[in-house]
Amino acid sequence: MRISCWVIAFLAFFEHVGSAQNVDKTTLEIEIGATTLPPYMVRWFEREIADFSKKNSEVSISTTALSAPIRPFSSNIQDLPRLPDNIIGIQTLAGGEVDYLISQDLIVPLDDFIPDHDFEVGAFNENAWKSVTRNGKKWGVPILLDTKVLFYDPKAFEAAGLMAPPKTWDEFLEYIEKLTLDLNGDGATDQWGVWMPPSIGLEAFLWRALDRQHNIQYAPGGIVNFNQPQIRKNLQFIRDLMESPYTNKGAGASFGRPVGQKNSAMMIINNYIQHLPLLVNPMMTLLRDSKYKVAHLPSNADPVTGTGNRIYLAIRKSTPEKERASWEFLKWMSRPDISLHTAWFGFPARNDIRERKDVQRMLSRGVQNYDILLEAAGRAREADVQFENKSLSALRRPVDMFFSGRSDLDATIASMTKIGSELLITETKSVDTDDLL
């Protein structure tokens, strides 16, 4: 009888402990928003969540909108029917999402948790912080960075008598002409100078990159003005490039093919966050084949580039306990020994990850001059105005019409100025222009 009583008491104790543990669990809701995550990255993120939960049993994590696509590229974060309760995924192509979340007092600065001996600000690409720094405070942890660079085939270059990648856009134009070949004289191109993958807004990005290289201000004195000589010249340059017979604009991936077999000698593409097989396949080729090289985008002025897609995780304002638990997860997702997803052909925001032995082994089998990808992120320069995230869609409509030959330059400039002026008015209603990057 005594033994039975002890057993009952023992079981009752553990039932009480188990109930107490369930009551004390902090529930987090995790969302990675507006990233259009490809399936392999969704699975990677889910695995990281599962591993974090195993090591932090006191925290239970639920997810929302962790799939692709999460929302249309052209919509703003404020258009979502609801935001997650604790961790918000942000993409900062133009910075509008950060500004909105701050203006609505929805997120807390990382400075509330720093210094932290498990988190080193200096371990990250310094440029990565610019997109989420406002009023001297950091509002999100960098997870993924993206920018455009130039990949090239040294074998095709050697055959054309070219020993190094083009440094300027003038050289670039000379190169693509020399590298375009009709080997059998049948009038069909066997090798193009450059492949410009369609459907990723590459033309609009290159136009903005050219503007950044010339340090053009879109709203000098607070007044939107796209009718500037250098802007007009840059827009026309991109249109001429897209209409050039030396540019392959087709949907079929032509970079990475053998020389003279409907290949392209160069390719301009973003290094990360690919969700189309059209883009993933050539990037995987680069990752696995060391005969290709990477170079910075050419420049006739400052050797900089525009910002690509940057993904951050931010902490939503809630309770001190949940904010602290959210911070622990952000540290987990940005730790130096984080797992790498299957198609890791870009670079994370941490500089020291490339020093890992597993990463070094991977890089030794892939594209040469890989460090240029890291340098390119450090060269990114943002615009003088953000125009909210919606501007990326709104301004692309008129410029894409121009690049495709459906609109003339004057009409395009007029349309861009009208759209930009309307967006700047909207922007300044909620964000102090002194705070804009």
Protein backbone atom coordinates (compact mmCIF):
# COMPACT_ATOMS: atom_id res chain seq x y z
CA MET A 1 0.00 0.00 0.00
CA ARG A 2 2.84 2.38 0.86
CA ILE A 3 4.57 1.58 -2.46
CA SER A 4 1.37 2.39 -4.37
CA CYS A 5 1.06 5.72 -2.56
CA TRP A 6 4.66 6.60 -3.42
CA VAL A 7 4.08 5.69 -7.07
CA ILE A 8 0.93 7.80 -7.22
CA ALA A 9 2.73 10.74 -5.61
CA PHE A 10 5.68 10.32 -7.97
CA LEU A 11 3.45 10.31 -11.04
CA ALA A 12 1.44 13.24 -9.74
CA PHE A 13 4.66 15.23 -9.27
CA PHE A 14 5.78 14.69 -12.84
CA GLU A 15 2.32 15.44 -14.16
CA HIS A 16 2.48 18.73 -12.28
CA VAL A 17 5.96 19.49 -13.67
CA GLY A 18 4.88 18.67 -17.19
CA SER A 19 1.83 20.91 -16.88
CA ALA A 20 3.96 23.72 -15.49
CA GLN A 21 6.39 23.39 -18.40
CA ASN A 22 3.56 23.68 -20.90
CA VAL A 23 2.17 26.73 -19.13
CA ASP A 24 5.61 28.41 -19.06
CA LYS A 25 6.30 27.90 -22.77
CA THR A 26 6.65 31.10 -24.77
CA THR A 27 4.82 30.86 -28.06
CA LEU A 28 6.44 32.58 -31.01
CA GLU A 29 4.97 33.09 -34.43
CA ILE A 30 7.52 33.28 -37.22
CA GLU A 31 7.00 34.75 -40.67
CA ILE A 32 9.42 35.33 -43.52
CA GLY A 33 7.51 37.86 -45.57
CA ALA A 34 7.78 39.00 -49.19
CA THR A 35 10.74 36.79 -50.01
CA THR A 36 9.22 34.53 -52.67
CA LEU A 37 11.20 31.73 -51.10
CA PRO A 38 11.91 28.80 -53.39
CA PRO A 39 10.93 25.39 -51.98
CA TYR A 40 14.47 24.39 -51.05
CA MET A 41 14.85 27.52 -48.91
CA VAL A 42 11.48 26.96 -47.23
CA ARG A 43 12.60 23.46 -46.26
CA TRP A 44 15.94 24.84 -45.05
CA PHE A 45 14.20 27.43 -42.89
CA GLU A 46 11.81 24.86 -41.47
CA ARG A 47 14.75 22.62 -40.53
CA GLU A 48 16.41 25.52 -38.72
CA ILE A 49 13.19 26.19 -36.81
CA ALA A 50 13.00 22.52 -35.82
CA ASP A 51 16.63 22.48 -34.65
CA PHE A 52 16.12 25.68 -32.66
CA SER A 53 13.05 24.16 -30.99
CA LYS A 54 15.03 21.08 -29.97
CA LYS A 55 17.68 23.21 -28.30
CA ASN A 56 15.17 25.61 -26.77
CA SER A 57 12.36 23.44 -25.49
CA GLU A 58 10.82 26.31 -23.56
CA VAL A 59 9.93 28.06 -26.82
CA SER A 60 7.21 26.80 -29.14
CA ILE A 61 7.26 28.21 -32.66
CA SER A 62 4.42 28.50 -35.14
CA THR A 63 4.81 29.79 -38.67
CA THR A 64 2.67 31.79 -41.03
CA ALA A 65 3.19 32.63 -44.69
CA LEU A 66 6.35 30.56 -44.82
CA SER A 67 5.96 29.58 -48.44
CA ALA A 68 6.44 30.88 -51.95
CA PRO A 69 5.19 33.26 -53.06
CA ILE A 70 4.24 35.03 -49.85
CA ARG A 71 2.68 38.11 -51.39
CA PRO A 72 2.89 39.94 -54.70
CA PHE A 73 6.19 41.74 -55.22
CA SER A 74 4.32 45.00 -55.87
CA SER A 75 2.37 45.10 -52.59
CA ASN A 76 3.48 46.73 -49.38
CA ILE A 77 3.85 45.09 -46.00
CA GLN A 78 0.92 47.19 -44.75
CA ASP A 79 -1.31 45.50 -47.35
CA LEU A 80 -1.02 42.13 -45.58
CA PRO A 81 -4.25 41.13 -43.79
CA ARG A 82 -2.23 40.53 -40.63
CA LEU A 83 1.35 40.51 -39.44
CA PRO A 84 2.94 37.77 -37.31
CA ASP A 85 2.91 38.31 -33.59
CA ASN A 86 6.62 38.13 -32.87
CA ILE A 87 9.09 37.94 -35.77
CA ILE A 88 8.57 39.74 -39.06
CA GLY A 89 10.44 38.95 -42.24
CA ILE A 90 11.37 42.08 -44.20
CA GLN A 91 12.68 42.61 -47.71
CA THR A 92 14.35 45.95 -48.23
CA LEU A 93 14.77 46.59 -51.91
CA ALA A 94 13.74 50.19 -51.29
CA GLY A 95 13.55 50.39 -47.53
CA GLY A 96 9.84 51.17 -47.32
CA GLU A 97 8.99 48.17 -45.17
CA VAL A 98 11.43 49.18 -42.45
CA ASP A 99 10.19 52.78 -42.45
CA TYR A 100 6.56 51.67 -42.23
CA LEU A 101 7.14 49.26 -39.36
CA ILE A 102 9.08 51.89 -37.41
CA SER A 103 6.51 54.64 -38.08
CA GLN A 104 3.73 52.39 -36.77
CA ASP A 105 5.76 51.45 -33.68
CA LEU A 106 5.50 47.77 -34.62
CA ILE A 107 9.12 46.64 -34.18
CA VAL A 108 11.82 47.17 -31.58
CA PRO A 109 15.44 48.10 -32.34
CA LEU A 110 18.15 45.50 -31.94
CA ASP A 111 19.94 48.02 -29.78
CA ASP A 112 17.59 46.91 -26.97
CA PHE A 113 19.48 43.58 -26.91
CA ILE A 114 23.00 44.67 -27.87
CA PRO A 115 25.65 44.25 -26.59
CA ASP A 116 25.25 40.49 -26.42
CA HIS A 117 28.29 38.23 -26.11
CA ASP A 118 26.65 35.77 -28.55
CA PHE A 119 26.12 38.40 -31.25
CA GLU A 120 28.88 40.31 -33.00
CA VAL A 121 27.72 43.24 -35.13
CA GLY A 122 31.13 43.47 -36.80
CA ALA A 123 30.88 39.89 -38.11
CA PHE A 124 28.34 41.02 -40.71
CA ASN A 125 28.93 42.76 -43.99
CA GLU A 126 29.02 46.41 -42.91
CA ASN A 127 26.96 47.51 -45.89
CA ALA A 128 24.17 45.11 -44.92
CA TRP A 129 23.26 47.27 -41.92
CA LYS A 130 22.57 50.36 -44.03
CA SER A 131 19.19 49.13 -45.26
CA VAL A 132 17.83 48.71 -41.72
CA THR A 133 19.56 51.55 -39.87
CA ARG A 134 17.35 54.51 -38.97
CA ASN A 135 18.07 57.25 -36.44
CA GLY A 136 21.31 55.51 -35.54
CA LYS A 137 19.55 52.28 -34.55
CA LYS A 138 19.47 48.85 -36.19
CA TRP A 139 16.00 47.39 -36.76
CA GLY A 140 16.63 43.95 -38.25
CA VAL A 141 19.20 41.16 -38.42
CA PRO A 142 20.59 40.58 -41.93
CA ILE A 143 19.89 37.07 -43.20
CA LEU A 144 20.45 37.14 -46.98
CA LEU A 145 22.00 39.69 -49.32
CA ASP A 146 21.63 39.95 -53.05
CA THR A 147 23.34 41.95 -55.74
CA LYS A 148 24.19 41.70 -59.42
CA VAL A 149 27.60 40.78 -60.72
CA LEU A 150 29.21 39.73 -63.98
CA PHE A 151 30.07 36.08 -64.64
CA TYR A 152 32.26 35.16 -67.56
CA ASP A 153 33.81 32.18 -69.36
CA PRO A 154 37.63 32.58 -69.53
CA LYS A 155 37.81 30.05 -72.36
CA ALA A 156 35.54 32.18 -74.56
CA PHE A 157 37.57 35.24 -73.59
CA GLU A 158 40.84 33.57 -74.52
CA ALA A 159 39.50 32.54 -77.92
CA ALA A 160 38.61 36.21 -78.58
CA GLY A 161 41.99 37.46 -77.37
CA LEU A 162 40.56 38.97 -74.19
CA MET A 163 42.58 38.42 -71.03
CA ALA A 164 40.47 40.16 -68.36
CA PRO A 165 36.84 41.18 -67.76
CA PRO A 166 35.68 44.65 -68.87
CA LYS A 167 36.29 47.42 -66.38
CA THR A 168 34.06 50.07 -67.96
CA TRP A 169 30.74 49.96 -69.80
CA ASP A 170 32.50 51.23 -72.91
CA GLU A 171 34.80 48.20 -72.75
CA PHE A 172 31.78 46.01 -72.08
CA LEU A 173 30.20 47.09 -75.38
CA GLU A 174 33.43 46.33 -77.22
CA TYR A 175 33.65 42.93 -75.53
CA ILE A 176 30.15 41.75 -76.38
CA GLU A 177 30.76 42.58 -80.06
CA LYS A 178 34.05 40.66 -80.13
CA LEU A 179 32.57 37.71 -78.28
CA THR A 180 29.53 37.29 -80.53
CA LEU A 181 30.27 34.62 -83.12
CA ASP A 182 28.79 32.99 -86.21
CA LEU A 183 31.21 30.11 -86.51
CA ASN A 184 29.85 28.42 -89.65
CA GLY A 185 28.67 31.45 -91.58
CA ASP A 186 25.03 30.40 -91.71
CA GLY A 187 23.81 33.73 -90.36
CA ALA A 188 22.83 32.27 -86.96
CA THR A 189 24.59 33.27 -83.76
CA ASP A 190 26.61 30.45 -82.20
CA GLN A 191 27.89 32.53 -79.26
CA TRP A 192 26.51 35.75 -77.79
CA GLY A 193 28.55 38.30 -75.93
CA VAL A 194 26.25 38.37 -72.92
CA TRP A 195 23.11 36.68 -71.62
CA MET A 196 20.58 38.91 -69.85
CA PRO A 197 18.09 36.55 -68.15
CA PRO A 198 14.50 37.72 -68.66
CA SER A 199 11.71 38.05 -66.12
CA ILE A 200 13.81 39.25 -63.17
CA GLY A 201 13.74 43.01 -63.72
CA LEU A 202 17.41 43.00 -64.63
CA GLU A 203 17.13 45.97 -66.98
CA ALA A 204 15.59 48.19 -64.29
CA PHE A 205 18.24 47.12 -61.80
CA LEU A 206 21.07 47.92 -64.19
CA TRP A 207 19.59 51.34 -64.89
CA ARG A 208 19.53 52.06 -61.14
CA ALA A 209 23.07 50.69 -60.81
CA LEU A 210 24.27 53.10 -63.49
CA ASP A 211 22.56 55.95 -61.65
CA ARG A 212 24.23 54.89 -58.39
CA GLN A 213 27.61 54.83 -60.12
CA HIS A 214 27.08 58.47 -61.09
CA ASN A 215 25.66 59.28 -57.62
CA ILE A 216 22.48 60.68 -59.14
CA GLN A 217 19.90 62.15 -56.78
CA TYR A 218 16.29 61.49 -57.80
CA ALA A 219 14.85 64.20 -55.58
CA PRO A 220 17.42 67.00 -55.33
CA GLY A 221 16.09 69.67 -52.98
CA GLY A 222 13.08 67.45 -52.20
CA ILE A 223 11.68 67.69 -55.76
CA VAL A 224 11.55 64.56 -57.93
CA ASN A 225 13.44 65.03 -61.19
CA PHE A 226 14.13 62.16 -63.58
CA ASN A 227 14.72 64.51 -66.51
CA GLN A 228 18.46 64.74 -65.90
CA PRO A 229 21.00 64.29 -68.73
CA GLN A 230 22.81 61.38 -67.08
CA ILE A 231 19.57 59.56 -66.25
CA ARG A 232 18.47 59.91 -69.87
CA LYS A 233 21.84 58.62 -71.03
CA ASN A 234 21.70 55.65 -68.66
CA LEU A 235 18.18 54.69 -69.71
CA GLN A 236 19.16 54.86 -73.38
CA PHE A 237 22.26 52.76 -72.72
CA ILE A 238 20.16 49.93 -71.25
CA ARG A 239 17.69 50.06 -74.13
CA ASP A 240 20.50 49.94 -76.69
CA LEU A 241 22.03 47.00 -74.83
CA MET A 242 18.76 45.08 -74.86
CA GLU A 243 18.29 45.74 -78.59
CA SER A 244 21.86 44.77 -79.44
CA PRO A 245 22.39 41.66 -81.60
CA TYR A 246 25.24 40.80 -79.23
CA THR A 247 22.84 40.34 -76.29
CA ASN A 248 20.95 37.12 -75.74
CA LYS A 249 17.60 37.93 -74.14
CA GLY A 250 16.07 34.49 -74.59
CA ALA A 251 14.55 32.35 -71.87
CA GLY A 252 16.89 29.46 -72.57
CA ALA A 253 19.93 29.53 -70.28
CA SER A 254 22.93 30.05 -72.56
CA PHE A 255 25.70 30.69 -70.03
CA GLY A 256 27.62 27.57 -69.06
CA ARG A 257 27.27 25.82 -72.39
CA PRO A 258 30.35 24.81 -74.41
CA VAL A 259 31.91 27.58 -76.49
CA GLY A 260 30.23 27.93 -79.89
CA GLN A 261 27.18 25.85 -78.95
CA LYS A 262 24.58 28.58 -78.52
CA ASN A 263 26.41 29.81 -75.44
CA SER A 264 26.98 33.27 -74.00
CA ALA A 265 30.46 34.37 -72.95
CA MET A 266 29.17 36.54 -70.10
CA MET A 267 26.12 36.71 -67.87
CA ILE A 268 24.77 39.45 -65.61
CA ILE A 269 22.64 38.00 -62.85
CA ASN A 270 21.88 38.28 -59.17
CA ASN A 271 23.79 35.90 -56.97
CA TYR A 272 21.14 34.84 -54.51
CA ILE A 273 17.49 33.98 -53.86
CA GLN A 274 16.78 32.37 -57.21
CA HIS A 275 13.37 30.73 -57.49
CA LEU A 276 13.24 30.00 -61.21
CA PRO A 277 14.89 26.89 -62.72
CA LEU A 278 15.95 29.19 -65.56
CA LEU A 279 18.22 30.98 -63.08
CA VAL A 280 19.02 28.26 -60.58
CA ASN A 281 20.50 25.92 -63.19
CA PRO A 282 23.26 28.22 -64.51
CA MET A 283 24.08 29.30 -60.96
CA MET A 284 24.44 25.68 -59.87
CA THR A 285 26.76 25.19 -62.85
CA LEU A 286 28.94 28.01 -61.57
CA LEU A 287 28.95 26.59 -58.08
CA ARG A 288 30.17 23.21 -59.29
CA ASP A 289 32.54 24.20 -62.08
CA SER A 290 35.75 26.11 -61.41
CA LYS A 291 36.36 27.06 -65.03
CA TYR A 292 34.11 30.12 -64.74
CA LYS A 293 34.91 33.44 -63.08
CA VAL A 294 33.06 36.31 -61.47
CA ALA A 295 33.78 40.04 -61.78
CA HIS A 296 32.31 43.33 -60.61
CA LEU A 297 29.86 45.14 -62.83
CA PRO A 298 31.66 47.57 -65.14
CA SER A 299 31.51 51.28 -64.34
CA ASN A 300 32.32 54.52 -66.12
CA ALA A 301 32.26 56.38 -62.80
CA ASP A 302 32.23 55.18 -59.17
CA PRO A 303 32.80 51.41 -58.83
CA VAL A 304 29.53 50.81 -56.96
CA THR A 305 26.31 48.98 -57.64
CA GLY A 306 22.67 49.22 -56.62
CA THR A 307 21.20 47.22 -53.78
CA GLY A 308 19.52 43.95 -54.63
CA ASN A 309 17.03 42.04 -52.54
CA ARG A 310 18.00 42.00 -48.87
CA ILE A 311 16.16 39.90 -46.32
CA TYR A 312 16.08 40.66 -42.61
CA LEU A 313 14.30 39.40 -39.53
CA ALA A 314 12.82 41.98 -37.17
CA ILE A 315 11.32 41.69 -33.71
CA ARG A 316 7.75 42.83 -33.28
CA LYS A 317 6.89 44.79 -30.16
CA SER A 318 5.15 42.50 -27.67
CA THR A 319 6.08 41.44 -24.14
CA PRO A 320 9.63 41.53 -22.75
CA GLU A 321 9.64 37.72 -22.51
CA LYS A 322 8.57 37.18 -26.10
CA GLU A 323 10.87 39.88 -27.40
CA ARG A 324 13.81 38.21 -25.65
CA ALA A 325 12.82 34.80 -27.03
CA SER A 326 12.52 36.35 -30.51
CA TRP A 327 16.01 37.78 -30.14
CA GLU A 328 17.33 34.31 -29.34
CA PHE A 329 15.83 33.01 -32.58
CA LEU A 330 17.31 35.88 -34.60
CA LYS A 331 20.72 35.01 -33.20
CA TRP A 332 20.12 31.38 -34.14
CA MET A 333 19.35 32.28 -37.75
CA SER A 334 22.47 34.43 -38.05
CA ARG A 335 24.97 32.24 -36.18
CA PRO A 336 28.34 31.47 -37.80
CA ASP A 337 27.73 27.69 -37.91
CA ILE A 338 24.27 27.85 -39.49
CA SER A 339 23.48 25.09 -41.97
CA LEU A 340 23.67 25.86 -45.68
CA HIS A 341 20.73 25.10 -47.93
CA THR A 342 21.17 22.90 -50.97
CA ALA A 343 21.68 25.57 -53.61
CA TRP A 344 24.00 27.80 -51.60
CA PHE A 345 25.41 29.75 -54.52
CA GLY A 346 25.18 33.21 -53.09
CA PHE A 347 26.51 34.47 -49.79
CA PRO A 348 25.01 35.03 -46.36
CA ALA A 349 25.24 38.33 -44.55
CA ARG A 350 28.02 37.11 -42.25
CA ASN A 351 31.52 37.52 -43.64
CA ASP A 352 33.07 34.80 -41.48
CA ILE A 353 30.92 31.97 -42.86
CA ARG A 354 33.14 31.76 -45.93
CA GLU A 355 36.05 30.77 -43.66
CA ARG A 356 34.34 27.55 -42.60
CA LYS A 357 35.99 24.38 -43.88
CA ASP A 358 32.79 23.07 -45.47
CA VAL A 359 32.30 26.35 -47.31
CA GLN A 360 35.93 26.44 -48.41
CA ARG A 361 35.58 22.93 -49.85
CA MET A 362 32.49 24.03 -51.73
CA LEU A 363 34.14 27.16 -53.07
CA SER A 364 37.23 25.26 -54.19
CA ARG A 365 35.03 23.31 -56.62
CA GLY A 366 33.13 26.31 -57.94
CA VAL A 367 33.44 29.66 -59.61
CA GLN A 368 36.75 31.51 -59.30
CA ASN A 369 37.09 34.93 -57.63
CA TYR A 370 34.17 34.13 -55.33
CA ASP A 371 35.14 36.87 -52.87
CA ILE A 372 33.99 39.43 -55.41
CA LEU A 373 30.41 38.49 -54.47
CA LEU A 374 31.13 39.66 -50.94
CA GLU A 375 32.88 42.79 -52.19
CA ALA A 376 29.93 43.60 -54.45
CA ALA A 377 27.56 43.66 -51.48
CA GLY A 378 29.91 46.09 -49.77
CA ARG A 379 29.80 48.35 -52.84
CA ALA A 380 26.03 48.69 -52.87
CA ARG A 381 24.79 52.28 -52.78
CA GLU A 382 21.19 53.17 -52.08
CA ALA A 383 19.10 55.95 -53.57
CA ASP A 384 18.49 59.31 -51.91
CA VAL A 385 14.78 58.45 -51.58
CA GLN A 386 13.05 55.18 -50.83
CA PHE A 387 9.64 55.76 -52.48
CA GLU A 388 8.29 52.84 -50.47
CA ASN A 389 8.51 49.28 -51.77
CA LYS A 390 5.64 49.91 -54.16
CA SER A 391 7.86 52.17 -56.30
CA LEU A 392 9.80 49.17 -57.53
CA SER A 393 6.70 48.01 -59.34
CA ALA A 394 5.33 51.45 -60.21
CA LEU A 395 8.54 52.75 -61.77
CA ARG A 396 9.28 49.48 -63.53
CA ARG A 397 6.16 49.78 -65.67
CA PRO A 398 7.28 52.85 -67.61
CA VAL A 399 10.96 51.86 -67.80
CA ASP A 400 10.13 48.31 -68.95
CA MET A 401 7.95 49.78 -71.69
CA PHE A 402 10.88 51.93 -72.76
CA PHE A 403 13.41 49.10 -72.63
CA SER A 404 11.13 46.94 -74.78
CA GLY A 405 10.66 49.70 -77.37
CA ARG A 406 7.00 50.41 -76.57
CA SER A 407 7.58 53.96 -75.35
CA ASP A 408 9.90 56.84 -76.23
CA LEU A 409 12.32 58.43 -73.79
CA ASP A 410 10.43 61.70 -73.24
CA ALA A 411 7.17 59.94 -72.43
CA THR A 412 9.02 57.57 -70.10
CA ILE A 413 10.71 60.40 -68.20
CA ALA A 414 7.40 62.24 -67.82
CA SER A 415 5.66 59.13 -66.49
CA MET A 416 8.49 58.37 -64.05
CA THR A 417 8.49 61.92 -62.73
CA LYS A 418 4.71 61.86 -62.17
CA ILE A 419 4.83 58.51 -60.38
CA GLY A 420 7.88 59.45 -58.32
CA SER A 421 6.32 62.76 -57.22
CA GLU A 422 3.15 61.02 -56.05
CA LEU A 423 5.12 58.40 -54.17
CA LEU A 424 7.40 60.95 -52.53
CA ILE A 425 4.35 62.80 -51.20
CA THR A 426 3.05 59.54 -49.74
CA GLU A 427 6.46 58.76 -48.31
CA THR A 428 6.96 62.06 -46.52
CA LYS A 429 3.59 61.78 -44.77
CA SER A 430 4.84 58.95 -42.58
CA VAL A 431 8.64 59.23 -42.64
CA ASP A 432 10.88 62.17 -41.83
CA THR A 433 12.89 62.79 -45.02
CA ASP A 434 15.97 63.47 -42.88
CA ASP A 435 15.89 59.81 -41.90
CA LEU A 436 15.89 58.50 -45.46
CA LEU A 437 19.11 56.89 -46.69
